[in-house]
Amino acid sequence: MRLEKCWFCSSTIYPGHGICFVRNDSKQFRFCRSKCHKNFKMKRNPRKVKWTKAYRVLHGKELTADATFEFERRRNRPFKYNREVTHAALKVMKSIEEISKRREMRFYESRMQGFVDSRRRTDKKELTQQVHLVRAAGPISAVHDERKSSQQKVRVPTRDALVDSSYE
């Protein structure tokens, strides 16, 4: 089963899905959905459309240079299958998938770390500028403290305690 890649957004196209456009010079363009096909017909550049893989890679939103991507590369050279080699390859594919997921997660966390730091800085700056909104006035907090100290805690016996004492 051959899985193609969408020319516009680089998503996977499964057999029987998508649209194929053939230009006059016999160049084939495959699209996963009508959204990609329409954007292509409008002559939009995939590197400038934010939801495409090309945009995300170009702007550092996704992992680009990773050894695990070498396994996904398309190969047009047919070769003879060996049962043992195929079984070994299938076992290795699972471990490669786990490795790539861990690397992607690490990449995402490193990307978001800068976002968290900048968010913290802006929050801190905003707090220092508008600290008068956060601080409570002196007399109100003093009244609140007096109310707390004047209230006495009273122990009320529970039903279970009453039942237990009646048996003794």
N, C-alpha and C. Protein backbone atom coordinates (compact mmCIF):
# COMPACT_ATOMS: atom_id res chain seq x y z
N MET A 1 0.86 -1.17 0.00
CA MET A 1 0.00 0.00 0.00
C MET A 1 0.91 1.24 0.00
N ARG A 2 0.70 2.10 -0.96
CA ARG A 2 1.52 3.30 -1.07
C ARG A 2 0.77 4.48 -0.46
N LEU A 3 1.42 5.14 0.48
CA LEU A 3 0.85 6.33 1.11
C LEU A 3 1.55 7.54 0.52
N GLU A 4 0.77 8.41 -0.07
CA GLU A 4 1.30 9.62 -0.71
C GLU A 4 1.28 10.77 0.29
N LYS A 5 1.99 11.83 -0.04
CA LYS A 5 1.99 13.06 0.77
C LYS A 5 1.27 14.15 -0.02
N CYS A 6 0.48 14.94 0.69
CA CYS A 6 -0.22 16.06 0.08
C CYS A 6 0.81 17.10 -0.35
N TRP A 7 0.68 17.62 -1.57
CA TRP A 7 1.63 18.61 -2.06
C TRP A 7 1.56 19.90 -1.26
N PHE A 8 0.36 20.25 -0.79
CA PHE A 8 0.17 21.54 -0.13
C PHE A 8 0.47 21.47 1.37
N CYS A 9 -0.14 20.54 2.08
CA CYS A 9 -0.01 20.55 3.55
C CYS A 9 0.88 19.44 4.09
N SER A 10 1.34 18.54 3.26
CA SER A 10 2.25 17.44 3.62
C SER A 10 1.62 16.39 4.52
N SER A 11 0.30 16.31 4.56
CA SER A 11 -0.32 15.24 5.34
C SER A 11 -0.39 13.97 4.50
N THR A 12 -0.66 12.85 5.14
CA THR A 12 -0.67 11.56 4.46
C THR A 12 -1.97 11.37 3.68
N ILE A 13 -1.84 10.87 2.46
CA ILE A 13 -3.02 10.55 1.65
C ILE A 13 -3.07 9.03 1.50
N TYR A 14 -4.16 8.45 1.94
CA TYR A 14 -4.34 7.00 1.85
C TYR A 14 -4.96 6.65 0.50
N PRO A 15 -4.77 5.40 0.07
CA PRO A 15 -5.30 4.98 -1.24
C PRO A 15 -6.81 5.21 -1.34
N GLY A 16 -7.25 5.76 -2.46
CA GLY A 16 -8.66 6.01 -2.68
C GLY A 16 -9.14 7.34 -2.15
N HIS A 17 -8.23 8.11 -1.58
CA HIS A 17 -8.60 9.41 -1.02
C HIS A 17 -7.85 10.51 -1.77
N GLY A 18 -8.37 11.72 -1.66
CA GLY A 18 -7.66 12.87 -2.20
C GLY A 18 -7.92 13.12 -3.67
N ILE A 19 -7.26 14.14 -4.18
CA ILE A 19 -7.41 14.60 -5.55
C ILE A 19 -6.03 14.64 -6.19
N CYS A 20 -5.97 14.25 -7.46
CA CYS A 20 -4.70 14.33 -8.19
C CYS A 20 -4.88 15.29 -9.36
N PHE A 21 -4.03 16.30 -9.41
CA PHE A 21 -4.05 17.27 -10.50
C PHE A 21 -2.78 17.07 -11.33
N VAL A 22 -2.96 16.89 -12.64
CA VAL A 22 -1.81 16.70 -13.53
C VAL A 22 -1.70 17.92 -14.44
N ARG A 23 -0.56 18.59 -14.35
CA ARG A 23 -0.31 19.78 -15.15
C ARG A 23 0.05 19.38 -16.58
N ASN A 24 0.05 20.36 -17.49
CA ASN A 24 0.36 20.09 -18.90
C ASN A 24 1.75 19.50 -19.11
N ASP A 25 2.68 19.78 -18.21
CA ASP A 25 4.03 19.22 -18.34
C ASP A 25 4.16 17.87 -17.63
N SER A 26 3.05 17.21 -17.36
CA SER A 26 2.96 15.88 -16.73
C SER A 26 3.40 15.85 -15.27
N LYS A 27 3.46 16.99 -14.62
CA LYS A 27 3.80 17.03 -13.19
C LYS A 27 2.52 16.74 -12.40
N GLN A 28 2.61 15.79 -11.47
CA GLN A 28 1.46 15.41 -10.67
C GLN A 28 1.47 16.13 -9.32
N PHE A 29 0.32 16.64 -8.93
CA PHE A 29 0.12 17.26 -7.63
C PHE A 29 -1.00 16.50 -6.93
N ARG A 30 -0.69 15.98 -5.77
CA ARG A 30 -1.71 15.24 -5.01
C ARG A 30 -2.13 16.08 -3.81
N PHE A 31 -3.44 16.12 -3.56
CA PHE A 31 -3.98 16.89 -2.46
C PHE A 31 -4.84 15.99 -1.59
N CYS A 32 -4.75 16.19 -0.28
CA CYS A 32 -5.47 15.33 0.65
C CYS A 32 -6.95 15.69 0.73
N ARG A 33 -7.29 16.96 0.55
CA ARG A 33 -8.69 17.39 0.64
C ARG A 33 -8.90 18.61 -0.24
N SER A 34 -10.15 19.00 -0.38
CA SER A 34 -10.48 20.11 -1.28
C SER A 34 -9.90 21.42 -0.78
N LYS A 35 -9.72 21.54 0.52
CA LYS A 35 -9.13 22.76 1.10
C LYS A 35 -7.74 23.00 0.49
N CYS A 36 -6.93 21.95 0.43
CA CYS A 36 -5.58 22.06 -0.13
C CYS A 36 -5.64 22.34 -1.63
N HIS A 37 -6.56 21.67 -2.32
CA HIS A 37 -6.69 21.85 -3.76
C HIS A 37 -7.11 23.28 -4.09
N LYS A 38 -8.05 23.82 -3.33
CA LYS A 38 -8.52 25.20 -3.57
C LYS A 38 -7.41 26.21 -3.29
N ASN A 39 -6.65 25.99 -2.24
CA ASN A 39 -5.54 26.88 -1.92
C ASN A 39 -4.48 26.84 -3.03
N PHE A 40 -4.26 25.66 -3.59
CA PHE A 40 -3.31 25.51 -4.70
C PHE A 40 -3.81 26.29 -5.92
N LYS A 41 -5.11 26.17 -6.22
CA LYS A 41 -5.68 26.86 -7.36
C LYS A 41 -5.66 28.38 -7.17
N MET A 42 -5.71 28.83 -5.90
CA MET A 42 -5.62 30.27 -5.62
C MET A 42 -4.17 30.75 -5.64
N LYS A 43 -3.25 29.83 -5.96
CA LYS A 43 -1.82 30.11 -6.05
C LYS A 43 -1.23 30.60 -4.73
N ARG A 44 -1.70 30.01 -3.64
CA ARG A 44 -1.15 30.37 -2.33
C ARG A 44 0.13 29.58 -2.10
N ASN A 45 1.04 30.22 -1.39
CA ASN A 45 2.32 29.59 -1.06
C ASN A 45 2.15 28.82 0.25
N PRO A 46 2.41 27.49 0.26
CA PRO A 46 2.24 26.71 1.49
C PRO A 46 3.13 27.20 2.64
N ARG A 47 4.24 27.86 2.31
CA ARG A 47 5.13 28.35 3.37
C ARG A 47 4.57 29.58 4.07
N LYS A 48 3.53 30.19 3.49
CA LYS A 48 2.92 31.38 4.08
C LYS A 48 1.56 31.10 4.71
N VAL A 49 1.04 29.89 4.53
CA VAL A 49 -0.25 29.51 5.11
C VAL A 49 0.03 28.81 6.43
N LYS A 50 -0.52 29.35 7.53
CA LYS A 50 -0.09 28.95 8.87
C LYS A 50 -0.36 27.50 9.25
N TRP A 51 -1.37 26.87 8.67
CA TRP A 51 -1.72 25.51 9.09
C TRP A 51 -0.96 24.42 8.34
N THR A 52 -0.09 24.78 7.42
CA THR A 52 0.64 23.77 6.66
C THR A 52 1.92 23.35 7.38
N LYS A 53 2.39 22.18 7.03
CA LYS A 53 3.62 21.64 7.60
C LYS A 53 4.82 22.52 7.21
N ALA A 54 4.81 23.01 5.97
CA ALA A 54 5.92 23.84 5.48
C ALA A 54 6.06 25.11 6.32
N TYR A 55 4.95 25.73 6.67
CA TYR A 55 4.98 26.94 7.50
C TYR A 55 5.53 26.60 8.89
N ARG A 56 5.03 25.52 9.47
CA ARG A 56 5.42 25.16 10.83
C ARG A 56 6.91 24.83 10.91
N VAL A 57 7.42 24.14 9.90
CA VAL A 57 8.85 23.79 9.88
C VAL A 57 9.69 25.04 9.67
N LEU A 58 9.26 25.90 8.74
CA LEU A 58 10.01 27.11 8.42
C LEU A 58 10.11 28.06 9.61
N HIS A 59 9.05 28.13 10.41
CA HIS A 59 9.02 29.06 11.54
C HIS A 59 9.41 28.41 12.87
N GLY A 60 9.98 27.20 12.82
CA GLY A 60 10.51 26.56 14.02
C GLY A 60 9.46 26.02 14.96
N LYS A 61 8.26 25.74 14.46
CA LYS A 61 7.20 25.21 15.30
C LYS A 61 7.27 23.69 15.43
N GLU A 62 7.93 23.05 14.47
CA GLU A 62 8.03 21.59 14.48
C GLU A 62 9.48 21.17 14.31
N LEU A 63 9.73 19.96 14.76
CA LEU A 63 11.05 19.36 14.67
C LEU A 63 11.39 19.11 13.20
N THR A 64 12.57 19.53 12.76
CA THR A 64 12.93 19.36 11.35
C THR A 64 14.05 18.36 11.15
N ALA A 65 15.13 18.50 11.88
CA ALA A 65 16.29 17.64 11.69
C ALA A 65 16.30 16.56 12.76
N ASP A 66 15.83 15.38 12.38
CA ASP A 66 15.83 14.26 13.30
C ASP A 66 16.12 12.99 12.51
N ALA A 67 16.92 12.11 13.07
CA ALA A 67 17.31 10.89 12.37
C ALA A 67 16.12 9.97 12.12
N THR A 68 15.08 10.06 12.93
CA THR A 68 13.93 9.17 12.76
C THR A 68 13.14 9.51 11.49
N PHE A 69 13.29 10.71 10.95
CA PHE A 69 12.59 11.08 9.72
C PHE A 69 13.16 10.34 8.52
N GLU A 70 14.36 9.84 8.65
CA GLU A 70 15.00 9.09 7.56
C GLU A 70 14.19 7.83 7.24
N PHE A 71 13.54 7.25 8.25
CA PHE A 71 12.77 6.03 8.05
C PHE A 71 11.47 6.29 7.28
N GLU A 72 10.95 7.54 7.36
CA GLU A 72 9.70 7.88 6.67
C GLU A 72 9.92 8.26 5.21
N ARG A 73 11.17 8.42 4.83
CA ARG A 73 11.48 8.88 3.48
C ARG A 73 10.95 7.91 2.43
N ARG A 74 10.50 8.46 1.33
CA ARG A 74 9.95 7.63 0.25
C ARG A 74 11.09 7.04 -0.57
N ARG A 75 10.99 5.74 -0.83
CA ARG A 75 12.01 5.06 -1.62
C ARG A 75 11.32 4.42 -2.83
N ASN A 76 11.83 4.69 -4.01
CA ASN A 76 11.22 4.16 -5.23
C ASN A 76 11.90 2.89 -5.73
N ARG A 77 12.94 2.44 -5.04
CA ARG A 77 13.68 1.27 -5.47
C ARG A 77 13.01 0.00 -4.94
N PRO A 78 12.50 -0.86 -5.79
CA PRO A 78 11.90 -2.11 -5.30
C PRO A 78 12.99 -3.08 -4.85
N PHE A 79 12.71 -3.84 -3.80
CA PHE A 79 13.67 -4.84 -3.35
C PHE A 79 12.92 -6.05 -2.83
N LYS A 80 13.63 -7.16 -2.80
CA LYS A 80 13.03 -8.43 -2.41
C LYS A 80 12.90 -8.49 -0.89
N TYR A 81 11.74 -8.92 -0.41
CA TYR A 81 11.52 -9.00 1.03
C TYR A 81 12.01 -10.32 1.60
N ASN A 82 12.58 -10.23 2.77
CA ASN A 82 13.00 -11.41 3.51
C ASN A 82 12.16 -11.43 4.79
N ARG A 83 11.60 -12.56 5.13
CA ARG A 83 10.68 -12.65 6.26
C ARG A 83 11.33 -12.19 7.58
N GLU A 84 12.54 -12.64 7.85
CA GLU A 84 13.21 -12.29 9.11
C GLU A 84 13.52 -10.79 9.17
N VAL A 85 13.98 -10.26 8.04
CA VAL A 85 14.31 -8.84 7.99
C VAL A 85 13.05 -8.00 8.21
N THR A 86 11.94 -8.45 7.61
CA THR A 86 10.67 -7.72 7.77
C THR A 86 10.22 -7.73 9.22
N HIS A 87 10.30 -8.88 9.88
CA HIS A 87 9.90 -8.96 11.30
C HIS A 87 10.79 -8.07 12.17
N ALA A 88 12.08 -8.08 11.88
CA ALA A 88 12.99 -7.23 12.65
C ALA A 88 12.67 -5.75 12.41
N ALA A 89 12.35 -5.42 11.16
CA ALA A 89 12.02 -4.03 10.83
C ALA A 89 10.76 -3.58 11.55
N LEU A 90 9.76 -4.45 11.63
CA LEU A 90 8.51 -4.11 12.33
C LEU A 90 8.75 -3.89 13.82
N LYS A 91 9.62 -4.71 14.41
CA LYS A 91 9.95 -4.52 15.83
C LYS A 91 10.66 -3.19 16.06
N VAL A 92 11.58 -2.87 15.16
CA VAL A 92 12.35 -1.64 15.29
C VAL A 92 11.45 -0.42 15.08
N MET A 93 10.44 -0.55 14.21
CA MET A 93 9.54 0.57 13.93
C MET A 93 8.82 1.05 15.19
N LYS A 94 8.46 0.12 16.06
CA LYS A 94 7.78 0.50 17.31
C LYS A 94 8.71 1.32 18.20
N SER A 95 9.94 0.87 18.33
CA SER A 95 10.89 1.61 19.18
C SER A 95 11.22 2.97 18.57
N ILE A 96 11.29 3.04 17.24
CA ILE A 96 11.56 4.31 16.58
C ILE A 96 10.41 5.28 16.82
N GLU A 97 9.20 4.76 16.78
CA GLU A 97 8.02 5.60 17.05
C GLU A 97 8.08 6.20 18.46
N GLU A 98 8.45 5.38 19.44
CA GLU A 98 8.57 5.87 20.82
C GLU A 98 9.66 6.94 20.94
N ILE A 99 10.79 6.69 20.29
CA ILE A 99 11.90 7.65 20.32
C ILE A 99 11.47 8.97 19.71
N SER A 100 10.81 8.92 18.56
CA SER A 100 10.40 10.15 17.89
C SER A 100 9.38 10.91 18.72
N LYS A 101 8.47 10.20 19.39
CA LYS A 101 7.49 10.88 20.26
C LYS A 101 8.18 11.57 21.42
N ARG A 102 9.17 10.90 22.03
CA ARG A 102 9.90 11.52 23.14
C ARG A 102 10.66 12.76 22.67
N ARG A 103 11.29 12.67 21.50
CA ARG A 103 12.03 13.82 20.97
C ARG A 103 11.09 14.98 20.65
N GLU A 104 9.93 14.67 20.08
CA GLU A 104 8.96 15.72 19.79
C GLU A 104 8.49 16.40 21.06
N MET A 105 8.24 15.60 22.10
CA MET A 105 7.80 16.16 23.38
C MET A 105 8.88 17.06 23.98
N ARG A 106 10.13 16.61 23.91
CA ARG A 106 11.25 17.42 24.41
C ARG A 106 11.37 18.74 23.64
N PHE A 107 11.21 18.66 22.32
CA PHE A 107 11.26 19.85 21.47
C PHE A 107 10.14 20.81 21.83
N TYR A 108 8.94 20.28 22.03
CA TYR A 108 7.78 21.10 22.40
C TYR A 108 8.00 21.79 23.75
N GLU A 109 8.49 21.03 24.71
CA GLU A 109 8.72 21.61 26.04
C GLU A 109 9.78 22.70 26.00
N SER A 110 10.84 22.50 25.20
CA SER A 110 11.87 23.54 25.10
C SER A 110 11.31 24.79 24.41
N ARG A 111 10.42 24.59 23.44
CA ARG A 111 9.78 25.73 22.77
C ARG A 111 8.88 26.49 23.73
N MET A 112 8.11 25.77 24.52
CA MET A 112 7.15 26.39 25.43
C MET A 112 7.82 27.03 26.64
N GLN A 113 9.06 26.61 26.95
CA GLN A 113 9.77 27.17 28.10
C GLN A 113 9.96 28.68 27.93
N GLY A 114 10.34 29.11 26.74
CA GLY A 114 10.50 30.52 26.47
C GLY A 114 9.19 31.27 26.60
N PHE A 115 8.09 30.63 26.18
CA PHE A 115 6.77 31.24 26.28
C PHE A 115 6.38 31.44 27.74
N VAL A 116 6.64 30.44 28.57
CA VAL A 116 6.31 30.54 29.99
C VAL A 116 7.13 31.64 30.65
N ASP A 117 8.42 31.73 30.32
CA ASP A 117 9.27 32.78 30.88
C ASP A 117 8.78 34.17 30.49
N SER A 118 8.45 34.35 29.22
CA SER A 118 7.97 35.66 28.77
C SER A 118 6.63 36.00 29.40
N ARG A 119 5.79 34.99 29.55
CA ARG A 119 4.48 35.22 30.19
C ARG A 119 4.66 35.63 31.65
N ARG A 120 5.59 34.95 32.33
CA ARG A 120 5.87 35.29 33.72
C ARG A 120 6.39 36.72 33.85
N ARG A 121 7.28 37.11 32.92
CA ARG A 121 7.82 38.47 32.94
C ARG A 121 6.73 39.51 32.74
N THR A 122 5.84 39.28 31.78
CA THR A 122 4.77 40.24 31.53
C THR A 122 3.81 40.32 32.71
N ASP A 123 3.52 39.16 33.33
CA ASP A 123 2.65 39.15 34.51
C ASP A 123 3.28 39.94 35.66
N LYS A 124 4.57 39.73 35.86
CA LYS A 124 5.29 40.43 36.93
C LYS A 124 5.29 41.95 36.68
N LYS A 125 5.51 42.33 35.43
CA LYS A 125 5.53 43.75 35.07
C LYS A 125 4.16 44.37 35.30
N GLU A 126 3.12 43.66 34.91
CA GLU A 126 1.76 44.15 35.10
C GLU A 126 1.42 44.28 36.58
N LEU A 127 1.88 43.32 37.36
CA LEU A 127 1.63 43.36 38.81
C LEU A 127 2.31 44.57 39.45
N THR A 128 3.56 44.85 39.05
CA THR A 128 4.26 45.99 39.64
C THR A 128 3.60 47.30 39.22
N GLN A 129 3.04 47.35 38.01
CA GLN A 129 2.40 48.58 37.56
C GLN A 129 1.05 48.80 38.24
N GLN A 130 0.35 47.71 38.56
CA GLN A 130 -1.00 47.84 39.11
C GLN A 130 -1.11 47.22 40.49
N VAL A 131 -0.08 47.39 41.30
CA VAL A 131 -0.05 46.80 42.63
C VAL A 131 -1.12 47.43 43.53
N HIS A 132 -1.53 48.66 43.25
CA HIS A 132 -2.55 49.32 44.07
C HIS A 132 -3.90 48.59 44.01
N LEU A 133 -4.14 47.84 42.94
CA LEU A 133 -5.38 47.07 42.84
C LEU A 133 -5.34 45.81 43.68
N VAL A 134 -4.15 45.30 43.94
CA VAL A 134 -3.99 44.04 44.65
C VAL A 134 -3.96 44.26 46.16
N ARG A 135 -3.27 45.30 46.60
CA ARG A 135 -3.14 45.57 48.04
C ARG A 135 -4.47 45.95 48.65
N ALA A 136 -4.79 45.38 49.80
CA ALA A 136 -6.02 45.72 50.51
C ALA A 136 -5.76 46.94 51.38
N ALA A 137 -6.82 47.73 51.62
CA ALA A 137 -6.69 48.92 52.46
C ALA A 137 -6.49 48.49 53.91
N GLY A 138 -5.79 49.30 54.69
CA GLY A 138 -5.46 48.97 56.08
C GLY A 138 -6.66 48.75 56.98
N PRO A 139 -7.63 49.67 57.07
CA PRO A 139 -8.74 49.51 58.00
C PRO A 139 -9.61 48.29 57.69
N ILE A 140 -9.81 47.95 56.44
CA ILE A 140 -10.67 46.82 56.11
C ILE A 140 -10.04 45.53 56.59
N SER A 141 -8.75 45.34 56.36
CA SER A 141 -8.10 44.11 56.79
C SER A 141 -8.06 44.03 58.31
N ALA A 142 -7.92 45.16 59.00
CA ALA A 142 -7.91 45.14 60.47
C ALA A 142 -9.25 44.69 61.01
N VAL A 143 -10.35 45.16 60.41
CA VAL A 143 -11.70 44.76 60.84
C VAL A 143 -11.88 43.27 60.61
N HIS A 144 -11.41 42.79 59.48
CA HIS A 144 -11.54 41.37 59.17
C HIS A 144 -10.78 40.51 60.17
N ASP A 145 -9.59 40.94 60.58
CA ASP A 145 -8.81 40.20 61.57
C ASP A 145 -9.51 40.19 62.93
N GLU A 146 -10.17 41.31 63.31
CA GLU A 146 -10.88 41.37 64.59
C GLU A 146 -12.04 40.39 64.60
N ARG A 147 -12.76 40.31 63.49
CA ARG A 147 -13.89 39.38 63.40
C ARG A 147 -13.41 37.94 63.58
N LYS A 148 -12.30 37.60 62.95
CA LYS A 148 -11.76 36.24 63.07
C LYS A 148 -11.40 35.92 64.51
N SER A 149 -10.76 36.86 65.20
CA SER A 149 -10.32 36.59 66.57
C SER A 149 -11.49 36.55 67.55
N SER A 150 -12.58 37.28 67.25
CA SER A 150 -13.72 37.30 68.17
C SER A 150 -14.57 36.05 68.06
N GLN A 151 -14.51 35.38 66.94
CA GLN A 151 -15.32 34.16 66.78
C GLN A 151 -14.65 33.00 67.51
N GLN A 152 -15.43 32.35 68.34
CA GLN A 152 -14.95 31.19 69.09
C GLN A 152 -15.35 29.92 68.36
N LYS A 153 -14.48 28.97 68.38
CA LYS A 153 -14.80 27.67 67.79
C LYS A 153 -15.51 26.84 68.85
N VAL A 154 -16.68 26.33 68.49
CA VAL A 154 -17.47 25.53 69.42
C VAL A 154 -17.51 24.11 68.87
N ARG A 155 -17.23 23.14 69.76
CA ARG A 155 -17.28 21.74 69.35
C ARG A 155 -18.70 21.24 69.49
N VAL A 156 -19.23 20.70 68.42
CA VAL A 156 -20.57 20.13 68.42
C VAL A 156 -20.42 18.63 68.30
N PRO A 157 -21.00 17.88 69.22
CA PRO A 157 -20.88 16.43 69.14
C PRO A 157 -21.65 15.88 67.94
N THR A 158 -21.04 14.93 67.26
CA THR A 158 -21.70 14.34 66.10
C THR A 158 -22.62 13.22 66.56
N ARG A 159 -23.44 12.77 65.65
CA ARG A 159 -24.40 11.72 65.94
C ARG A 159 -23.69 10.43 66.32
N ASP A 160 -22.60 10.12 65.61
CA ASP A 160 -21.85 8.90 65.90
C ASP A 160 -21.28 8.93 67.31
N ALA A 161 -20.80 10.08 67.75
CA ALA A 161 -20.23 10.19 69.11
C ALA A 161 -21.31 9.97 70.14
N LEU A 162 -22.52 10.47 69.90
CA LEU A 162 -23.64 10.28 70.83
C LEU A 162 -24.04 8.82 70.91
N VAL A 163 -24.08 8.16 69.75
CA VAL A 163 -24.45 6.74 69.72
C VAL A 163 -23.44 5.89 70.45
N ASP A 164 -22.14 6.17 70.25
CA ASP A 164 -21.07 5.42 70.90
C ASP A 164 -21.13 5.58 72.41
N SER A 165 -21.43 6.79 72.89
CA SER A 165 -21.44 7.02 74.36
C SER A 165 -22.65 6.37 75.01
N SER A 166 -23.74 6.16 74.27
CA SER A 166 -24.93 5.53 74.86
C SER A 166 -24.72 4.04 75.11
N TYR A 167 -23.84 3.37 74.37
CA TYR A 167 -23.56 1.96 74.56
C TYR A 167 -22.67 1.69 75.76
N GLU A 168 -21.97 2.66 76.24
CA GLU A 168 -21.00 2.44 77.32
C GLU A 168 -21.62 2.39 78.65
